[in-house]
Amino acid sequence: MDAVTRQGLVLTDLAALREILLRRDPDLAPVLERIGTQPLAPIDRERIRRAVVDELCELPDGEGGRQALLLVDLLDRLGGA
């Protein structure tokens, strides 16, 4: 079982989110340290969601399954970050 961290995100979620942001919007990587400790600026929240949605939309056909579910779950939990 994954260790639960701030705001219900687990360590694996933060690692996946960090990987996505480093690839898609590297300027947001430092924002991960603030999740759950202080409110995110609306623009940061929107940019994070956009990066995750872009990742979801670009999954190869037939490979979405588990990864798609993980990304959708991450998006749901980021709503309260």
Protein backbone atom coordinates (compact mmCIF):
# COMPACT_ATOMS: atom_id res chain seq x y z
CA MET A 1 0.00 0.00 0.00
CA ASP A 2 1.31 3.45 -0.87
CA ALA A 3 2.10 5.92 1.88
CA VAL A 4 -0.49 8.67 2.00
CA THR A 5 0.82 12.22 1.77
CA ARG A 6 -0.75 15.67 1.76
CA GLN A 7 -4.26 16.12 0.38
CA GLY A 8 -4.75 12.42 -0.27
CA LEU A 9 -2.04 12.20 -2.92
CA VAL A 10 0.23 9.22 -2.48
CA LEU A 11 3.95 9.11 -3.11
CA THR A 12 3.46 7.31 -6.43
CA ASP A 13 1.05 10.07 -7.52
CA LEU A 14 3.59 12.75 -6.69
CA ALA A 15 6.30 10.83 -8.55
CA ALA A 16 4.07 10.44 -11.62
CA LEU A 17 3.04 14.09 -11.45
CA ARG A 18 6.68 15.19 -11.13
CA GLU A 19 7.58 13.11 -14.22
CA ILE A 20 4.72 14.62 -16.22
CA LEU A 21 5.54 18.18 -15.19
CA LEU A 22 9.26 17.83 -15.87
CA ARG A 23 8.41 16.69 -19.38
CA ARG A 24 5.46 18.99 -20.16
CA ASP A 25 5.85 22.13 -18.00
CA PRO A 26 9.17 22.09 -16.11
CA ASP A 27 8.55 25.48 -14.51
CA LEU A 28 5.84 23.85 -12.38
CA ALA A 29 8.02 21.19 -10.76
CA PRO A 30 8.68 23.36 -7.66
CA VAL A 31 4.93 23.79 -7.19
CA LEU A 32 4.70 20.12 -6.16
CA GLU A 33 6.40 20.99 -2.87
CA ARG A 34 3.51 23.33 -2.04
CA ILE A 35 0.68 20.85 -2.64
CA GLY A 36 -1.15 20.47 0.64
CA THR A 37 0.97 22.98 2.54
CA GLN A 38 -0.40 26.14 0.99
CA PRO A 39 -3.08 26.91 -1.58
CA LEU A 40 -2.02 26.70 -5.20
CA ALA A 41 -2.52 29.74 -7.36
CA PRO A 42 -5.41 29.19 -9.78
CA ILE A 43 -3.04 29.51 -12.75
CA ASP A 44 -0.70 26.83 -11.31
CA ARG A 45 -3.62 24.51 -10.64
CA GLU A 46 -4.86 24.97 -14.22
CA ARG A 47 -1.39 24.40 -15.70
CA ILE A 48 -0.96 21.19 -13.68
CA ARG A 49 -4.33 19.90 -14.79
CA ARG A 50 -3.58 20.79 -18.40
CA ALA A 51 -0.29 18.86 -18.27
CA VAL A 52 -2.07 15.77 -16.89
CA VAL A 53 -4.88 16.04 -19.46
CA ASP A 54 -2.30 16.36 -22.26
CA GLU A 55 -0.60 13.23 -20.95
CA LEU A 56 -3.93 11.41 -20.86
CA CYS A 57 -4.87 12.47 -24.38
CA GLU A 58 -1.55 11.36 -25.82
CA LEU A 59 -1.60 7.81 -24.46
CA PRO A 60 -1.09 5.38 -27.34
CA ASP A 61 -4.20 3.58 -28.57
CA GLY A 62 -4.69 0.34 -26.74
CA GLU A 63 -2.33 1.29 -23.92
CA GLY A 64 -4.65 3.60 -22.02
CA GLY A 65 -6.21 1.12 -19.58
CA ARG A 66 -4.46 1.29 -16.25
CA GLN A 67 -2.43 4.41 -17.01
CA ALA A 68 -5.57 6.27 -18.10
CA LEU A 69 -7.34 5.31 -14.90
CA LEU A 70 -4.39 6.48 -12.83
CA LEU A 71 -4.32 9.83 -14.62
CA VAL A 72 -8.07 10.35 -14.27
CA ASP A 73 -7.82 9.51 -10.56
CA LEU A 74 -4.95 11.96 -10.23
CA LEU A 75 -7.02 14.67 -11.90
CA ASP A 76 -9.88 14.00 -9.49
CA ARG A 77 -7.62 14.34 -6.48
CA LEU A 78 -5.89 17.42 -7.84
CA GLY A 79 -9.22 19.18 -7.73
CA GLY A 80 -8.67 19.76 -4.02
CA ALA A 81 -4.92 20.44 -4.10
